[in-house]
């Protein structure tokens, strides 16, 4: 029997088990990654408010080529705190002349003054909320 070339063959179940035990976790990992990036309908947005309303006003005070911008606004929504970023632009050239971020906690109003970093044209300024977190 030592020269028998027809000895017992390897069991195919071992290979099937090995493929199954490596393939299923790999497939589950791929599906989890696709879900987390939103490819399978996952939601990648951070937890927090789904809705809010904002209003912002800006006033400019210039003296020669220097100026300051007073920003005031309100935010209403579901969260207890917000981070609001306001961009101030020259109305004619749409060049950014100021940017300020406010931490709004325990209230729904924010206000502050920032330096105007470029001369303000005769058309005045525009301000808009660029980010709410």
N, C-alpha and C. Protein backbone atom coordinates (compact mmCIF):
# COMPACT_ATOMS: atom_id res chain seq x y z
N UNK A 1 0.80 -1.18 0.00
CA UNK A 1 0.00 0.00 0.00
C UNK A 1 0.85 1.25 0.00
N UNK A 2 2.10 1.12 0.26
CA UNK A 2 2.97 2.27 0.29
C UNK A 2 3.11 2.88 -1.09
N UNK A 3 3.01 2.08 -2.13
CA UNK A 3 3.13 2.59 -3.49
C UNK A 3 1.78 2.94 -4.09
N UNK A 4 0.77 2.97 -3.35
CA UNK A 4 -0.56 3.23 -3.86
C UNK A 4 -0.71 4.72 -4.19
N UNK A 5 -0.85 5.02 -5.48
CA UNK A 5 -1.00 6.40 -5.94
C UNK A 5 -2.42 6.90 -5.75
N UNK A 6 -3.28 6.05 -5.38
CA UNK A 6 -4.69 6.43 -5.27
C UNK A 6 -5.12 6.58 -3.82
N UNK A 7 -4.28 7.12 -3.01
CA UNK A 7 -4.59 7.31 -1.60
C UNK A 7 -5.81 8.21 -1.43
N UNK A 8 -6.15 8.46 -0.25
CA UNK A 8 -7.34 9.27 0.00
C UNK A 8 -7.10 10.71 -0.50
N UNK A 9 -8.09 11.20 -1.15
CA UNK A 9 -8.03 12.57 -1.68
C UNK A 9 -8.38 13.56 -0.58
N UNK A 10 -7.90 14.84 -0.73
CA UNK A 10 -8.28 15.84 0.28
C UNK A 10 -9.78 16.09 0.23
N UNK A 11 -10.32 16.31 1.34
CA UNK A 11 -11.75 16.54 1.41
C UNK A 11 -12.09 17.91 0.82
N UNK A 12 -13.04 17.96 -0.10
CA UNK A 12 -13.42 19.24 -0.69
C UNK A 12 -14.13 20.15 0.32
N UNK A 13 -14.65 19.60 1.38
CA UNK A 13 -15.34 20.43 2.37
C UNK A 13 -14.40 21.39 3.06
N UNK A 14 -13.14 21.02 3.22
CA UNK A 14 -12.17 21.91 3.86
C UNK A 14 -11.97 23.16 3.01
N UNK A 15 -11.84 22.98 1.70
CA UNK A 15 -11.66 24.12 0.81
C UNK A 15 -12.91 24.99 0.80
N UNK A 16 -14.06 24.37 0.76
CA UNK A 16 -15.31 25.12 0.77
C UNK A 16 -15.45 25.92 2.05
N UNK A 17 -15.11 25.31 3.17
CA UNK A 17 -15.19 26.01 4.44
C UNK A 17 -14.22 27.20 4.47
N UNK A 18 -13.01 27.01 3.95
CA UNK A 18 -12.03 28.08 3.93
C UNK A 18 -12.48 29.24 3.05
N UNK A 19 -12.99 28.95 1.87
CA UNK A 19 -13.49 29.99 0.98
C UNK A 19 -14.67 30.71 1.62
N UNK A 20 -15.55 29.95 2.22
CA UNK A 20 -16.72 30.54 2.87
C UNK A 20 -16.31 31.41 4.06
N UNK A 21 -15.40 30.93 4.88
CA UNK A 21 -15.01 31.67 6.09
C UNK A 21 -14.22 32.94 5.76
N UNK A 22 -13.55 33.01 4.63
CA UNK A 22 -12.84 34.22 4.23
C UNK A 22 -13.70 35.12 3.35
N UNK A 23 -14.56 34.54 2.56
CA UNK A 23 -15.35 35.31 1.61
C UNK A 23 -16.51 36.07 2.23
N UNK A 24 -17.21 35.45 3.14
CA UNK A 24 -18.38 36.10 3.74
C UNK A 24 -17.99 37.34 4.54
N UNK A 25 -16.99 37.28 5.43
CA UNK A 25 -16.62 38.52 6.14
C UNK A 25 -16.10 39.60 5.18
N UNK A 26 -15.38 39.20 4.15
CA UNK A 26 -14.91 40.19 3.16
C UNK A 26 -16.06 40.86 2.45
N UNK A 27 -17.06 40.09 2.05
CA UNK A 27 -18.25 40.64 1.40
C UNK A 27 -19.02 41.55 2.35
N UNK A 28 -19.17 41.14 3.59
CA UNK A 28 -19.86 41.99 4.57
C UNK A 28 -19.09 43.29 4.81
N UNK A 29 -17.77 43.21 4.84
CA UNK A 29 -16.97 44.42 5.00
C UNK A 29 -17.13 45.36 3.83
N UNK A 30 -17.16 44.82 2.62
CA UNK A 30 -17.36 45.64 1.42
C UNK A 30 -18.73 46.31 1.44
N UNK A 31 -19.75 45.57 1.79
CA UNK A 31 -21.09 46.14 1.87
C UNK A 31 -21.17 47.23 2.95
N UNK A 32 -20.52 47.01 4.08
CA UNK A 32 -20.52 48.03 5.14
C UNK A 32 -19.81 49.30 4.67
N UNK A 33 -18.70 49.14 3.96
CA UNK A 33 -17.98 50.31 3.46
C UNK A 33 -18.81 51.06 2.43
N UNK A 34 -19.46 50.37 1.53
CA UNK A 34 -20.31 51.02 0.54
C UNK A 34 -21.49 51.72 1.20
N UNK A 35 -22.05 51.12 2.23
CA UNK A 35 -23.17 51.73 2.94
C UNK A 35 -22.72 53.01 3.64
N UNK A 36 -21.53 52.98 4.26
CA UNK A 36 -21.08 54.14 5.02
C UNK A 36 -20.73 55.32 4.13
N UNK A 37 -20.33 55.09 2.88
CA UNK A 37 -20.03 56.21 1.99
C UNK A 37 -21.26 56.65 1.21
N UNK A 38 -22.37 56.00 1.44
CA UNK A 38 -23.62 56.44 0.82
C UNK A 38 -23.95 55.75 -0.49
N UNK A 39 -23.13 54.82 -0.94
CA UNK A 39 -23.39 54.17 -2.22
C UNK A 39 -24.59 53.23 -2.16
N UNK A 40 -24.93 52.76 -0.99
CA UNK A 40 -26.07 51.86 -0.85
C UNK A 40 -27.21 52.50 -0.06
N UNK A 41 -27.29 53.80 -0.09
CA UNK A 41 -28.37 54.49 0.59
C UNK A 41 -28.05 54.85 2.02
N UNK A 42 -26.82 54.72 2.43
CA UNK A 42 -26.43 55.11 3.78
C UNK A 42 -26.43 56.62 3.91
N UNK A 43 -26.53 57.10 5.11
CA UNK A 43 -26.55 58.53 5.38
C UNK A 43 -25.24 58.90 6.05
N UNK A 44 -24.42 59.72 5.37
CA UNK A 44 -23.13 60.10 5.91
C UNK A 44 -23.16 61.42 6.65
N UNK A 45 -24.31 62.05 6.74
CA UNK A 45 -24.37 63.32 7.44
C UNK A 45 -24.22 63.09 8.94
N UNK A 46 -23.65 64.06 9.61
CA UNK A 46 -23.46 63.93 11.03
C UNK A 46 -24.79 64.12 11.75
N UNK A 47 -24.91 63.50 12.91
CA UNK A 47 -26.15 63.67 13.63
C UNK A 47 -26.31 65.12 14.05
N UNK A 48 -27.51 65.58 14.04
CA UNK A 48 -27.75 66.96 14.41
C UNK A 48 -29.04 67.44 13.80
N UNK A 49 -29.20 68.74 13.78
CA UNK A 49 -30.47 69.28 13.30
C UNK A 49 -30.67 69.02 11.81
N UNK A 50 -31.88 68.71 11.47
CA UNK A 50 -32.23 68.50 10.07
C UNK A 50 -32.76 69.78 9.46
N UNK A 51 -33.29 70.66 10.28
CA UNK A 51 -33.85 71.89 9.73
C UNK A 51 -33.55 73.06 10.64
N UNK A 52 -33.35 74.20 10.03
CA UNK A 52 -33.15 75.44 10.75
C UNK A 52 -33.48 76.58 9.80
N UNK A 53 -33.71 77.74 10.36
CA UNK A 53 -33.91 78.94 9.55
C UNK A 53 -32.97 80.01 10.06
N UNK A 54 -32.46 80.81 9.14
CA UNK A 54 -31.48 81.83 9.50
C UNK A 54 -31.84 83.16 8.86
N UNK A 55 -31.31 84.19 9.47
CA UNK A 55 -31.41 85.53 8.92
C UNK A 55 -30.14 86.25 9.34
N UNK A 56 -29.55 87.01 8.41
CA UNK A 56 -28.33 87.73 8.73
C UNK A 56 -28.36 89.12 8.09
N UNK A 57 -27.82 90.10 8.80
CA UNK A 57 -27.73 91.46 8.30
C UNK A 57 -26.31 91.96 8.57
N UNK A 58 -25.81 92.80 7.66
CA UNK A 58 -24.48 93.37 7.83
C UNK A 58 -24.54 94.87 7.59
N UNK A 59 -23.76 95.59 8.40
CA UNK A 59 -23.62 97.03 8.22
C UNK A 59 -22.13 97.33 8.14
N UNK A 60 -21.76 98.22 7.24
CA UNK A 60 -20.36 98.57 7.07
C UNK A 60 -20.12 100.00 7.52
N UNK A 61 -18.98 100.21 8.15
CA UNK A 61 -18.56 101.54 8.57
C UNK A 61 -17.16 101.73 8.01
N UNK A 62 -17.00 102.63 7.04
CA UNK A 62 -15.70 102.82 6.41
C UNK A 62 -15.12 104.18 6.74
N UNK A 63 -13.81 104.20 6.76
CA UNK A 63 -13.06 105.44 6.94
C UNK A 63 -11.86 105.33 6.01
N UNK A 64 -11.97 105.95 4.84
CA UNK A 64 -10.92 105.82 3.83
C UNK A 64 -10.94 104.42 3.25
N UNK A 65 -9.80 103.76 3.23
CA UNK A 65 -9.74 102.41 2.68
C UNK A 65 -9.94 101.34 3.75
N UNK A 66 -10.07 101.74 5.01
CA UNK A 66 -10.28 100.80 6.10
C UNK A 66 -11.76 100.78 6.48
N UNK A 67 -12.20 99.67 7.03
CA UNK A 67 -13.59 99.59 7.44
C UNK A 67 -13.84 98.44 8.38
N UNK A 68 -14.98 98.49 9.01
CA UNK A 68 -15.43 97.38 9.85
C UNK A 68 -16.84 97.00 9.42
N UNK A 69 -17.16 95.75 9.62
CA UNK A 69 -18.49 95.23 9.28
C UNK A 69 -19.10 94.67 10.56
N UNK A 70 -20.29 95.12 10.87
CA UNK A 70 -21.05 94.59 12.00
C UNK A 70 -22.04 93.58 11.46
N UNK A 71 -21.96 92.39 11.98
CA UNK A 71 -22.81 91.28 11.53
C UNK A 71 -23.78 90.94 12.65
N UNK A 72 -25.04 90.81 12.32
CA UNK A 72 -26.01 90.36 13.32
C UNK A 72 -26.99 89.42 12.64
N UNK A 73 -27.41 88.42 13.38
CA UNK A 73 -28.34 87.47 12.79
C UNK A 73 -29.03 86.61 13.81
N UNK A 74 -29.92 85.78 13.31
CA UNK A 74 -30.65 84.84 14.14
C UNK A 74 -30.64 83.47 13.47
N UNK A 75 -30.75 82.46 14.29
CA UNK A 75 -30.89 81.09 13.79
C UNK A 75 -31.88 80.38 14.70
N UNK A 76 -32.81 79.67 14.09
CA UNK A 76 -33.81 78.92 14.84
C UNK A 76 -33.83 77.50 14.27
N UNK A 77 -33.88 76.54 15.19
CA UNK A 77 -33.92 75.15 14.75
C UNK A 77 -34.03 74.21 15.93
N UNK A 78 -33.72 72.95 15.67
CA UNK A 78 -33.91 71.89 16.66
C UNK A 78 -32.74 71.75 17.64
N UNK A 79 -31.55 72.22 17.25
CA UNK A 79 -30.36 71.98 18.06
C UNK A 79 -30.23 73.01 19.18
N UNK A 80 -29.44 72.65 20.20
CA UNK A 80 -29.19 73.57 21.31
C UNK A 80 -28.03 74.50 21.01
N UNK A 81 -27.19 74.14 20.04
CA UNK A 81 -26.06 75.00 19.68
C UNK A 81 -25.75 74.86 18.19
N UNK A 82 -25.19 75.92 17.64
CA UNK A 82 -24.82 75.95 16.23
C UNK A 82 -23.47 76.65 16.08
N UNK A 83 -22.78 76.35 15.02
CA UNK A 83 -21.63 77.11 14.57
C UNK A 83 -22.03 77.70 13.23
N UNK A 84 -22.05 79.03 13.16
CA UNK A 84 -22.52 79.73 11.97
C UNK A 84 -21.36 80.53 11.38
N UNK A 85 -21.08 80.32 10.09
CA UNK A 85 -20.04 81.08 9.40
C UNK A 85 -20.69 82.04 8.43
N UNK A 86 -20.31 83.32 8.52
CA UNK A 86 -20.87 84.37 7.68
C UNK A 86 -19.75 84.95 6.82
N UNK A 87 -20.01 85.05 5.53
CA UNK A 87 -19.06 85.64 4.59
C UNK A 87 -19.59 87.00 4.16
N UNK A 88 -18.70 88.01 4.16
CA UNK A 88 -19.05 89.35 3.73
C UNK A 88 -18.31 89.63 2.43
N UNK A 89 -19.05 90.08 1.41
CA UNK A 89 -18.46 90.32 0.09
C UNK A 89 -18.78 91.72 -0.40
N UNK A 90 -17.89 92.25 -1.22
CA UNK A 90 -18.17 93.49 -1.93
C UNK A 90 -19.28 93.20 -2.93
N UNK A 91 -20.33 94.02 -2.93
CA UNK A 91 -21.51 93.74 -3.76
C UNK A 91 -21.19 93.80 -5.25
N UNK A 92 -20.30 94.67 -5.65
CA UNK A 92 -20.01 94.81 -7.08
C UNK A 92 -19.05 93.74 -7.59
N UNK A 93 -17.95 93.52 -6.89
CA UNK A 93 -16.92 92.60 -7.38
C UNK A 93 -17.08 91.19 -6.84
N UNK A 94 -17.91 91.00 -5.84
CA UNK A 94 -18.10 89.71 -5.16
C UNK A 94 -16.81 89.19 -4.56
N UNK A 95 -15.90 90.10 -4.24
CA UNK A 95 -14.66 89.76 -3.56
C UNK A 95 -14.93 89.69 -2.06
N UNK A 96 -14.37 88.67 -1.42
CA UNK A 96 -14.57 88.52 0.02
C UNK A 96 -13.82 89.64 0.75
N UNK A 97 -14.54 90.31 1.63
CA UNK A 97 -13.93 91.37 2.43
C UNK A 97 -13.93 91.02 3.92
N UNK A 98 -14.62 89.98 4.30
CA UNK A 98 -14.65 89.57 5.69
C UNK A 98 -15.26 88.19 5.86
N UNK A 99 -14.89 87.53 6.94
CA UNK A 99 -15.41 86.21 7.26
C UNK A 99 -15.39 86.06 8.77
N UNK A 100 -16.48 85.60 9.33
CA UNK A 100 -16.53 85.41 10.78
C UNK A 100 -17.38 84.20 11.11
N UNK A 101 -16.92 83.45 12.11
CA UNK A 101 -17.64 82.28 12.59
C UNK A 101 -18.14 82.55 14.01
N UNK A 102 -19.39 82.20 14.25
CA UNK A 102 -20.03 82.44 15.55
C UNK A 102 -20.40 81.10 16.18
N UNK A 103 -20.18 80.99 17.48
CA UNK A 103 -20.66 79.86 18.27
C UNK A 103 -21.96 80.32 18.93
N UNK A 104 -23.07 79.73 18.56
CA UNK A 104 -24.38 80.14 19.07
C UNK A 104 -24.85 79.06 20.03
N UNK A 105 -24.89 79.38 21.34
CA UNK A 105 -25.29 78.43 22.37
C UNK A 105 -26.26 79.11 23.34
N UNK A 106 -27.34 78.45 23.63
CA UNK A 106 -28.26 78.95 24.62
C UNK A 106 -29.08 80.16 24.18
N UNK A 107 -28.95 80.55 22.95
CA UNK A 107 -29.70 81.68 22.42
C UNK A 107 -29.89 81.43 20.93
N UNK A 108 -30.63 82.27 20.27
CA UNK A 108 -30.79 82.10 18.82
C UNK A 108 -30.25 83.31 18.06
N UNK A 109 -29.52 84.19 18.75
CA UNK A 109 -28.97 85.37 18.07
C UNK A 109 -27.44 85.33 18.10
N UNK A 110 -26.84 86.00 17.13
CA UNK A 110 -25.39 86.15 17.11
C UNK A 110 -25.07 87.53 16.55
N UNK A 111 -23.94 88.07 17.00
CA UNK A 111 -23.54 89.40 16.56
C UNK A 111 -22.05 89.56 16.77
N UNK A 112 -21.41 90.31 15.88
CA UNK A 112 -19.99 90.57 16.02
C UNK A 112 -19.52 91.58 14.99
N UNK A 113 -18.30 92.01 15.16
CA UNK A 113 -17.69 92.98 14.24
C UNK A 113 -16.40 92.39 13.71
N UNK A 114 -16.18 92.56 12.43
CA UNK A 114 -14.95 92.08 11.79
C UNK A 114 -14.39 93.19 10.91
N UNK A 115 -13.10 93.17 10.73
CA UNK A 115 -12.47 94.17 9.88
C UNK A 115 -12.76 93.86 8.42
N UNK A 116 -13.00 94.91 7.64
CA UNK A 116 -13.15 94.74 6.20
C UNK A 116 -11.74 94.67 5.62
N UNK A 117 -11.42 93.60 4.93
CA UNK A 117 -10.05 93.36 4.51
C UNK A 117 -9.74 93.89 3.12
N UNK A 118 -10.62 94.60 2.51
CA UNK A 118 -10.39 95.21 1.20
C UNK A 118 -11.26 96.45 1.12
N UNK A 119 -10.91 97.39 0.28
CA UNK A 119 -11.77 98.57 0.15
C UNK A 119 -13.17 98.17 -0.31
N UNK A 120 -14.16 98.83 0.26
CA UNK A 120 -15.55 98.56 -0.08
C UNK A 120 -15.95 99.47 -1.23
N UNK A 121 -16.53 98.86 -2.26
CA UNK A 121 -16.97 99.63 -3.43
C UNK A 121 -18.23 100.42 -3.14
N UNK A 122 -18.62 101.23 -4.11
CA UNK A 122 -19.79 102.09 -3.93
C UNK A 122 -21.10 101.30 -3.88
N UNK A 123 -21.10 100.05 -4.35
CA UNK A 123 -22.32 99.24 -4.34
C UNK A 123 -22.60 98.68 -2.95
N UNK A 124 -21.65 98.80 -2.02
CA UNK A 124 -21.87 98.31 -0.66
C UNK A 124 -21.41 96.88 -0.48
N UNK A 125 -22.02 96.20 0.48
CA UNK A 125 -21.63 94.82 0.79
C UNK A 125 -22.81 93.90 0.74
N UNK A 126 -22.50 92.62 0.65
CA UNK A 126 -23.47 91.55 0.77
C UNK A 126 -22.94 90.60 1.82
N UNK A 127 -23.81 90.02 2.57
CA UNK A 127 -23.36 89.00 3.50
C UNK A 127 -24.28 87.79 3.39
N UNK A 128 -23.67 86.64 3.58
CA UNK A 128 -24.45 85.40 3.50
C UNK A 128 -23.86 84.37 4.45
N UNK A 129 -24.71 83.50 4.91
CA UNK A 129 -24.28 82.40 5.77
C UNK A 129 -23.77 81.31 4.84
N UNK A 130 -22.51 80.94 5.03
CA UNK A 130 -21.90 79.93 4.16
C UNK A 130 -21.86 78.55 4.78
N UNK A 131 -21.98 78.46 6.12
CA UNK A 131 -21.92 77.15 6.75
C UNK A 131 -22.64 77.18 8.08
N UNK A 132 -23.39 76.14 8.35
CA UNK A 132 -24.04 75.96 9.64
C UNK A 132 -23.74 74.53 10.09
N UNK A 133 -23.21 74.40 11.28
CA UNK A 133 -22.89 73.07 11.79
C UNK A 133 -23.42 72.93 13.20
